[in-house]
Amino acid sequence: MTCGGTEIRLTATEFELLRYLMRNPRRVLSKAQILDRMWQHDFGGQGNIVELYISYLRRKIDKDRAPMIHTLRGAGYVLKPAAP
């Protein structure tokens, strides 16, 4: 994938998470919604898996540019595409 003309390598999970955020631009997605969509109800792993993958994405797509993934405390995450 490319962002701003720079190639960015994403894992399959990072790609799916970014795609989910991109399909819901400017819409706040709660941690529970993301968990349900990405890891289904029966996920019994790390409780902070959403935060972990959001941080991976931020390091890759927000590096050296205006942030696109924002945290709304107590509500969730929102993707606000950077202005051209």
PDB file of N, CA and C in Angstrom:
ATOM      1  N   MET A   1       0.842  -1.164   0.000  1.00  0.00           N
ATOM      2  CA  MET A   1       0.000   0.000   0.000  1.00  0.00           C
ATOM      3  C   MET A   1       0.888   1.227   0.000  1.00  0.00           C
ATOM      4  N   THR A   2       0.368   2.344  -0.514  1.00  0.00           N
ATOM      5  CA  THR A   2       1.122   3.595  -0.479  1.00  0.00           C
ATOM      6  C   THR A   2       0.305   4.666   0.223  1.00  0.00           C
ATOM      7  N   CYS A   3       1.002   5.570   0.841  1.00  0.00           N
ATOM      8  CA  CYS A   3       0.365   6.697   1.527  1.00  0.00           C
ATOM      9  C   CYS A   3       1.247   7.915   1.257  1.00  0.00           C
ATOM     10  N   GLY A   4       0.698   8.896   0.568  1.00  0.00           N
ATOM     11  CA  GLY A   4       1.467  10.076   0.240  1.00  0.00           C
ATOM     12  C   GLY A   4       2.667   9.769  -0.638  1.00  0.00           C
ATOM     13  N   GLY A   5       2.539   8.746  -1.487  1.00  0.00           N
ATOM     14  CA  GLY A   5       3.613   8.368  -2.378  1.00  0.00           C
ATOM     15  C   GLY A   5       4.678   7.475  -1.749  1.00  0.00           C
ATOM     16  N   THR A   6       4.527   7.167  -0.467  1.00  0.00           N
ATOM     17  CA  THR A   6       5.486   6.313   0.232  1.00  0.00           C
ATOM     18  C   THR A   6       4.894   4.926   0.416  1.00  0.00           C
ATOM     19  N   GLU A   7       5.680   3.902   0.080  1.00  0.00           N
ATOM     20  CA  GLU A   7       5.211   2.531   0.269  1.00  0.00           C
ATOM     21  C   GLU A   7       5.204   2.186   1.753  1.00  0.00           C
ATOM     22  N   ILE A   8       4.101   1.596   2.195  1.00  0.00           N
ATOM     23  CA  ILE A   8       3.951   1.190   3.588  1.00  0.00           C
ATOM     24  C   ILE A   8       3.582  -0.293   3.596  1.00  0.00           C
ATOM     25  N   ARG A   9       4.337  -1.073   4.346  1.00  0.00           N
ATOM     26  CA  ARG A   9       4.064  -2.502   4.454  1.00  0.00           C
ATOM     27  C   ARG A   9       3.220  -2.757   5.700  1.00  0.00           C
ATOM     28  N   LEU A  10       2.088  -3.399   5.495  1.00  0.00           N
ATOM     29  CA  LEU A  10       1.185  -3.719   6.593  1.00  0.00           C
ATOM     30  C   LEU A  10       1.014  -5.231   6.690  1.00  0.00           C
ATOM     31  N   THR A  11       0.830  -5.703   7.920  1.00  0.00           N
ATOM     32  CA  THR A  11       0.463  -7.104   8.103  1.00  0.00           C
ATOM     33  C   THR A  11      -0.996  -7.254   7.686  1.00  0.00           C
ATOM     34  N   ALA A  12      -1.451  -8.476   7.559  1.00  0.00           N
ATOM     35  CA  ALA A  12      -2.847  -8.724   7.181  1.00  0.00           C
ATOM     36  C   ALA A  12      -3.801  -8.109   8.199  1.00  0.00           C
ATOM     37  N   THR A  13      -3.483  -8.226   9.480  1.00  0.00           N
ATOM     38  CA  THR A  13      -4.346  -7.673  10.524  1.00  0.00           C
ATOM     39  C   THR A  13      -4.347  -6.151  10.488  1.00  0.00           C
ATOM     40  N   GLU A  14      -3.178  -5.553  10.313  1.00  0.00           N
ATOM     41  CA  GLU A  14      -3.101  -4.087  10.211  1.00  0.00           C
ATOM     42  C   GLU A  14      -3.909  -3.600   9.014  1.00  0.00           C
ATOM     43  N   PHE A  15      -3.795  -4.301   7.895  1.00  0.00           N
ATOM     44  CA  PHE A  15      -4.537  -3.924   6.694  1.00  0.00           C
ATOM     45  C   PHE A  15      -6.040  -3.997   6.927  1.00  0.00           C
ATOM     46  N   GLU A  16      -6.505  -5.077   7.542  1.00  0.00           N
ATOM     47  CA  GLU A  16      -7.942  -5.228   7.811  1.00  0.00           C
ATOM     48  C   GLU A  16      -8.448  -4.151   8.769  1.00  0.00           C
ATOM     49  N   LEU A  17      -7.650  -3.810   9.781  1.00  0.00           N
ATOM     50  CA  LEU A  17      -8.041  -2.766  10.715  1.00  0.00           C
ATOM     51  C   LEU A  17      -8.113  -1.423   9.998  1.00  0.00           C
ATOM     52  N   LEU A  18      -7.121  -1.114   9.183  1.00  0.00           N
ATOM     53  CA  LEU A  18      -7.140   0.138   8.427  1.00  0.00           C
ATOM     54  C   LEU A  18      -8.322   0.173   7.472  1.00  0.00           C
ATOM     55  N   ARG A  19      -8.591  -0.938   6.823  1.00  0.00           N
ATOM     56  CA  ARG A  19      -9.746  -0.995   5.916  1.00  0.00           C
ATOM     57  C   ARG A  19     -11.054  -0.750   6.662  1.00  0.00           C
ATOM     58  N   TYR A  20     -11.186  -1.323   7.844  1.00  0.00           N
ATOM     59  CA  TYR A  20     -12.387  -1.106   8.663  1.00  0.00           C
ATOM     60  C   TYR A  20     -12.521   0.377   9.026  1.00  0.00           C
ATOM     61  N   LEU A  21     -11.424   0.990   9.435  1.00  0.00           N
ATOM     62  CA  LEU A  21     -11.454   2.422   9.751  1.00  0.00           C
ATOM     63  C   LEU A  21     -11.798   3.251   8.508  1.00  0.00           C
ATOM     64  N   MET A  22     -11.234   2.876   7.373  1.00  0.00           N
ATOM     65  CA  MET A  22     -11.465   3.619   6.133  1.00  0.00           C
ATOM     66  C   MET A  22     -12.899   3.480   5.642  1.00  0.00           C
ATOM     67  N   ARG A  23     -13.525   2.383   5.941  1.00  0.00           N
ATOM     68  CA  ARG A  23     -14.935   2.194   5.547  1.00  0.00           C
ATOM     69  C   ARG A  23     -15.880   2.971   6.456  1.00  0.00           C
ATOM     70  N   ASN A  24     -15.333   3.501   7.539  1.00  0.00           N
ATOM     71  CA  ASN A  24     -16.129   4.277   8.492  1.00  0.00           C
ATOM     72  C   ASN A  24     -15.447   5.613   8.798  1.00  0.00           C
ATOM     73  N   PRO A  25     -15.120   6.403   7.768  1.00  0.00           N
ATOM     74  CA  PRO A  25     -14.391   7.649   8.016  1.00  0.00           C
ATOM     75  C   PRO A  25     -15.209   8.610   8.863  1.00  0.00           C
ATOM     76  N   ARG A  26     -14.520   9.293   9.742  1.00  0.00           N
ATOM     77  CA  ARG A  26     -15.125  10.309  10.628  1.00  0.00           C
ATOM     78  C   ARG A  26     -16.197   9.728  11.556  1.00  0.00           C
ATOM     79  N   ARG A  27     -16.266   8.420  11.656  1.00  0.00           N
ATOM     80  CA  ARG A  27     -17.208   7.758  12.568  1.00  0.00           C
ATOM     81  C   ARG A  27     -16.407   7.167  13.723  1.00  0.00           C
ATOM     82  N   VAL A  28     -16.830   7.447  14.935  1.00  0.00           N
ATOM     83  CA  VAL A  28     -16.129   6.921  16.103  1.00  0.00           C
ATOM     84  C   VAL A  28     -16.471   5.440  16.246  1.00  0.00           C
ATOM     85  N   LEU A  29     -15.417   4.625  16.282  1.00  0.00           N
ATOM     86  CA  LEU A  29     -15.579   3.182  16.465  1.00  0.00           C
ATOM     87  C   LEU A  29     -15.053   2.821  17.841  1.00  0.00           C
ATOM     88  N   SER A  30     -15.896   2.216  18.644  1.00  0.00           N
ATOM     89  CA  SER A  30     -15.497   1.851  19.995  1.00  0.00           C
ATOM     90  C   SER A  30     -14.543   0.656  19.960  1.00  0.00           C
ATOM     91  N   LYS A  31     -13.826   0.484  21.054  1.00  0.00           N
ATOM     92  CA  LYS A  31     -12.927  -0.663  21.191  1.00  0.00           C
ATOM     93  C   LYS A  31     -13.723  -1.957  21.024  1.00  0.00           C
ATOM     94  N   ALA A  32     -14.925  -2.015  21.600  1.00  0.00           N
ATOM     95  CA  ALA A  32     -15.772  -3.210  21.497  1.00  0.00           C
ATOM     96  C   ALA A  32     -16.168  -3.482  20.045  1.00  0.00           C
ATOM     97  N   GLN A  33     -16.494  -2.438  19.290  1.00  0.00           N
ATOM     98  CA  GLN A  33     -16.850  -2.620  17.881  1.00  0.00           C
ATOM     99  C   GLN A  33     -15.666  -3.174  17.092  1.00  0.00           C
ATOM    100  N   ILE A  34     -14.492  -2.628  17.357  1.00  0.00           N
ATOM    101  CA  ILE A  34     -13.299  -3.084  16.652  1.00  0.00           C
ATOM    102  C   ILE A  34     -12.966  -4.518  17.036  1.00  0.00           C
ATOM    103  N   LEU A  35     -13.032  -4.824  18.322  1.00  0.00           N
ATOM    104  CA  LEU A  35     -12.786  -6.206  18.777  1.00  0.00           C
ATOM    105  C   LEU A  35     -13.739  -7.181  18.098  1.00  0.00           C
ATOM    106  N   ASP A  36     -15.016  -6.818  18.065  1.00  0.00           N
ATOM    107  CA  ASP A  36     -16.029  -7.692  17.472  1.00  0.00           C
ATOM    108  C   ASP A  36     -15.772  -7.893  15.986  1.00  0.00           C
ATOM    109  N   ARG A  37     -15.434  -6.830  15.292  1.00  0.00           N
ATOM    110  CA  ARG A  37     -15.202  -6.900  13.837  1.00  0.00           C
ATOM    111  C   ARG A  37     -13.915  -7.639  13.493  1.00  0.00           C
ATOM    112  N   MET A  38     -12.872  -7.365  14.243  1.00  0.00           N
ATOM    113  CA  MET A  38     -11.556  -7.897  13.905  1.00  0.00           C
ATOM    114  C   MET A  38     -11.261  -9.260  14.523  1.00  0.00           C
ATOM    115  N   TRP A  39     -11.711  -9.470  15.758  1.00  0.00           N
ATOM    116  CA  TRP A  39     -11.317 -10.687  16.471  1.00  0.00           C
ATOM    117  C   TRP A  39     -12.515 -11.508  16.945  1.00  0.00           C
ATOM    118  N   GLN A  40     -13.718 -11.120  16.603  1.00  0.00           N
ATOM    119  CA  GLN A  40     -14.964 -11.798  16.956  1.00  0.00           C
ATOM    120  C   GLN A  40     -15.148 -11.905  18.479  1.00  0.00           C
ATOM    121  N   HIS A  41     -16.312 -12.363  18.855  1.00  0.00           N
ATOM    122  CA  HIS A  41     -16.698 -12.429  20.273  1.00  0.00           C
ATOM    123  C   HIS A  41     -15.826 -13.368  21.089  1.00  0.00           C
ATOM    124  N   ASP A  42     -15.337 -14.426  20.476  1.00  0.00           N
ATOM    125  CA  ASP A  42     -14.643 -15.459  21.246  1.00  0.00           C
ATOM    126  C   ASP A  42     -13.159 -15.170  21.464  1.00  0.00           C
ATOM    127  N   PHE A  43     -12.714 -13.968  21.149  1.00  0.00           N
ATOM    128  CA  PHE A  43     -11.305 -13.643  21.346  1.00  0.00           C
ATOM    129  C   PHE A  43     -10.985 -13.651  22.828  1.00  0.00           C
ATOM    130  N   GLY A  44      -9.997 -14.431  23.213  1.00  0.00           N
ATOM    131  CA  GLY A  44      -9.648 -14.532  24.618  1.00  0.00           C
ATOM    132  C   GLY A  44      -8.221 -14.115  24.895  1.00  0.00           C
ATOM    133  N   GLY A  45      -7.636 -13.371  23.994  1.00  0.00           N
ATOM    134  CA  GLY A  45      -6.232 -12.977  24.136  1.00  0.00           C
ATOM    135  C   GLY A  45      -6.053 -11.696  24.925  1.00  0.00           C
ATOM    136  N   GLN A  46      -5.051 -10.936  24.524  1.00  0.00           N
ATOM    137  CA  GLN A  46      -4.706  -9.700  25.214  1.00  0.00           C
ATOM    138  C   GLN A  46      -5.875  -8.722  25.234  1.00  0.00           C
ATOM    139  N   GLY A  47      -6.094  -8.114  26.371  1.00  0.00           N
ATOM    140  CA  GLY A  47      -7.154  -7.127  26.487  1.00  0.00           C
ATOM    141  C   GLY A  47      -6.834  -5.834  25.770  1.00  0.00           C
ATOM    142  N   ASN A  48      -5.558  -5.601  25.516  1.00  0.00           N
ATOM    143  CA  ASN A  48      -5.168  -4.338  24.886  1.00  0.00           C
ATOM    144  C   ASN A  48      -4.828  -4.517  23.401  1.00  0.00           C
ATOM    145  N   ILE A  49      -5.347  -5.563  22.772  1.00  0.00           N
ATOM    146  CA  ILE A  49      -5.012  -5.858  21.377  1.00  0.00           C
ATOM    147  C   ILE A  49      -5.402  -4.721  20.441  1.00  0.00           C
ATOM    148  N   VAL A  50      -6.525  -4.054  20.699  1.00  0.00           N
ATOM    149  CA  VAL A  50      -6.947  -2.946  19.841  1.00  0.00           C
ATOM    150  C   VAL A  50      -5.936  -1.807  19.932  1.00  0.00           C
ATOM    151  N   GLU A  51      -5.579  -1.429  21.153  1.00  0.00           N
ATOM    152  CA  GLU A  51      -4.610  -0.352  21.335  1.00  0.00           C
ATOM    153  C   GLU A  51      -3.278  -0.700  20.681  1.00  0.00           C
ATOM    154  N   LEU A  52      -2.886  -1.954  20.794  1.00  0.00           N
ATOM    155  CA  LEU A  52      -1.634  -2.412  20.221  1.00  0.00           C
ATOM    156  C   LEU A  52      -1.626  -2.236  18.695  1.00  0.00           C
ATOM    157  N   TYR A  53      -2.677  -2.696  18.026  1.00  0.00           N
ATOM    158  CA  TYR A  53      -2.727  -2.594  16.569  1.00  0.00           C
ATOM    159  C   TYR A  53      -2.952  -1.161  16.096  1.00  0.00           C
ATOM    160  N   ILE A  54      -3.676  -0.368  16.855  1.00  0.00           N
ATOM    161  CA  ILE A  54      -3.806   1.060  16.513  1.00  0.00           C
ATOM    162  C   ILE A  54      -2.424   1.710  16.580  1.00  0.00           C
ATOM    163  N   SER A  55      -1.632   1.368  17.593  1.00  0.00           N
ATOM    164  CA  SER A  55      -0.291   1.953  17.709  1.00  0.00           C
ATOM    165  C   SER A  55       0.597   1.507  16.548  1.00  0.00           C
ATOM    166  N   TYR A  56       0.482   0.252  16.100  1.00  0.00           N
ATOM    167  CA  TYR A  56       1.246  -0.219  14.941  1.00  0.00           C
ATOM    168  C   TYR A  56       0.889   0.608  13.705  1.00  0.00           C
ATOM    169  N   LEU A  57      -0.427   0.786  13.488  1.00  0.00           N
ATOM    170  CA  LEU A  57      -0.868   1.569  12.329  1.00  0.00           C
ATOM    171  C   LEU A  57      -0.376   3.010  12.405  1.00  0.00           C
ATOM    172  N   ARG A  58      -0.493   3.606  13.571  1.00  0.00           N
ATOM    173  CA  ARG A  58      -0.047   4.997  13.719  1.00  0.00           C
ATOM    174  C   ARG A  58       1.430   5.135  13.374  1.00  0.00           C
ATOM    175  N   ARG A  59       2.246   4.209  13.839  1.00  0.00           N
ATOM    176  CA  ARG A  59       3.683   4.271  13.546  1.00  0.00           C
ATOM    177  C   ARG A  59       3.955   4.187  12.053  1.00  0.00           C
ATOM    178  N   LYS A  60       3.106   3.469  11.350  1.00  0.00           N
ATOM    179  CA  LYS A  60       3.337   3.271   9.922  1.00  0.00           C
ATOM    180  C   LYS A  60       2.679   4.337   9.046  1.00  0.00           C
ATOM    181  N   ILE A  61       1.420   4.669   9.301  1.00  0.00           N
ATOM    182  CA  ILE A  61       0.739   5.601   8.389  1.00  0.00           C
ATOM    183  C   ILE A  61       0.781   7.056   8.844  1.00  0.00           C
ATOM    184  N   ASP A  62       0.988   7.293  10.118  1.00  0.00           N
ATOM    185  CA  ASP A  62       1.039   8.679  10.596  1.00  0.00           C
ATOM    186  C   ASP A  62       2.475   9.189  10.717  1.00  0.00           C
ATOM    187  N   LYS A  63       3.440   8.355  10.393  1.00  0.00           N
ATOM    188  CA  LYS A  63       4.849   8.728  10.524  1.00  0.00           C
ATOM    189  C   LYS A  63       5.172   9.905   9.603  1.00  0.00           C
ATOM    190  N   ASP A  64       5.711  10.966  10.173  1.00  0.00           N
ATOM    191  CA  ASP A  64       6.144  12.155   9.435  1.00  0.00           C
ATOM    192  C   ASP A  64       5.020  12.874   8.695  1.00  0.00           C
ATOM    193  N   ARG A  65       3.776  12.729   9.136  1.00  0.00           N
ATOM    194  CA  ARG A  65       2.640  13.442   8.543  1.00  0.00           C
ATOM    195  C   ARG A  65       1.615  13.764   9.623  1.00  0.00           C
ATOM    196  N   ALA A  66       0.656  14.569   9.246  1.00  0.00           N
ATOM    197  CA  ALA A  66      -0.424  14.904  10.189  1.00  0.00           C
ATOM    198  C   ALA A  66      -1.169  13.619  10.551  1.00  0.00           C
ATOM    199  N   PRO A  67      -1.457  13.406  11.833  1.00  0.00           N
ATOM    200  CA  PRO A  67      -2.145  12.184  12.254  1.00  0.00           C
ATOM    201  C   PRO A  67      -3.522  12.037  11.608  1.00  0.00           C
ATOM    202  N   MET A  68      -3.837  10.798  11.228  1.00  0.00           N
ATOM    203  CA  MET A  68      -5.151  10.506  10.667  1.00  0.00           C
ATOM    204  C   MET A  68      -5.999   9.678  11.625  1.00  0.00           C
ATOM    205  N   ILE A  69      -5.355   8.910  12.496  1.00  0.00           N
ATOM    206  CA  ILE A  69      -6.082   8.085  13.462  1.00  0.00           C
ATOM    207  C   ILE A  69      -6.084   8.821  14.796  1.00  0.00           C
ATOM    208  N   HIS A  70      -7.280   9.110  15.282  1.00  0.00           N
ATOM    209  CA  HIS A  70      -7.419   9.879  16.517  1.00  0.00           C
ATOM    210  C   HIS A  70      -8.144   9.061  17.578  1.00  0.00           C
ATOM    211  N   THR A  71      -7.762   9.277  18.828  1.00  0.00           N
ATOM    212  CA  THR A  71      -8.412   8.633  19.964  1.00  0.00           C
ATOM    213  C   THR A  71      -9.350   9.631  20.609  1.00  0.00           C
ATOM    214  N   LEU A  72     -10.573   9.226  20.833  1.00  0.00           N
ATOM    215  CA  LEU A  72     -11.529  10.027  21.592  1.00  0.00           C
ATOM    216  C   LEU A  72     -11.708   9.308  22.920  1.00  0.00           C
ATOM    217  N   ARG A  73     -11.112   9.878  23.952  1.00  0.00           N
ATOM    218  CA  ARG A  73     -11.110   9.222  25.267  1.00  0.00           C
ATOM    219  C   ARG A  73     -12.513   8.800  25.686  1.00  0.00           C
ATOM    220  N   GLY A  74     -12.612   7.546  26.095  1.00  0.00           N
ATOM    221  CA  GLY A  74     -13.864   7.007  26.575  1.00  0.00           C
ATOM    222  C   GLY A  74     -14.838   6.652  25.470  1.00  0.00           C
ATOM    223  N   ALA A  75     -14.495   6.941  24.204  1.00  0.00           N
ATOM    224  CA  ALA A  75     -15.422   6.683  23.111  1.00  0.00           C
ATOM    225  C   ALA A  75     -14.853   5.679  22.100  1.00  0.00           C
ATOM    226  N   GLY A  76     -13.598   5.893  21.675  1.00  0.00           N
ATOM    227  CA  GLY A  76     -13.018   4.988  20.702  1.00  0.00           C
ATOM    228  C   GLY A  76     -12.040   5.680  19.777  1.00  0.00           C
ATOM    229  N   TYR A  77     -12.030   5.226  18.539  1.00  0.00           N
ATOM    230  CA  TYR A  77     -11.065   5.711  17.548  1.00  0.00           C
ATOM    231  C   TYR A  77     -11.814   6.216  16.322  1.00  0.00           C
ATOM    232  N   VAL A  78     -11.217   7.208  15.680  1.00  0.00           N
ATOM    233  CA  VAL A  78     -11.830   7.782  14.472  1.00  0.00           C
ATOM    234  C   VAL A  78     -10.727   8.060  13.462  1.00  0.00           C
ATOM    235  N   LEU A  79     -11.035   7.790  12.194  1.00  0.00           N
ATOM    236  CA  LEU A  79     -10.113   8.085  11.114  1.00  0.00           C
ATOM    237  C   LEU A  79     -10.580   9.370  10.451  1.00  0.00           C
ATOM    238  N   LYS A  80      -9.713  10.349  10.493  1.00  0.00           N
ATOM    239  CA  LYS A  80      -9.984  11.632   9.822  1.00  0.00           C
ATOM    240  C   LYS A  80      -8.875  11.831   8.810  1.00  0.00           C
ATOM    241  N   PRO A  81      -9.165  11.548   7.550  1.00  0.00           N
ATOM    242  CA  PRO A  81      -8.132  11.680   6.528  1.00  0.00           C
ATOM    243  C   PRO A  81      -7.503  13.066   6.537  1.00  0.00           C
ATOM    244  N   ALA A  82      -6.193  13.074   6.338  1.00  0.00           N
ATOM    245  CA  ALA A  82      -5.449  14.341   6.330  1.00  0.00           C
ATOM    246  C   ALA A  82      -5.865  15.161   5.111  1.00  0.00           C
ATOM    247  N   ALA A  83      -5.846  16.468   5.279  1.00  0.00           N
ATOM    248  CA  ALA A  83      -6.173  17.361   4.164  1.00  0.00           C
ATOM    249  C   ALA A  83      -5.085  17.254   3.096  1.00  0.00           C
ATOM    250  N   PRO A  84      -5.469  17.316   1.817  1.00  0.00           N
ATOM    251  CA  PRO A  84      -4.474  17.206   0.743  1.00  0.00           C
ATOM    252  C   PRO A  84      -3.519  18.367   0.718  1.00  0.00           C
TER     253      PRO A  84
END
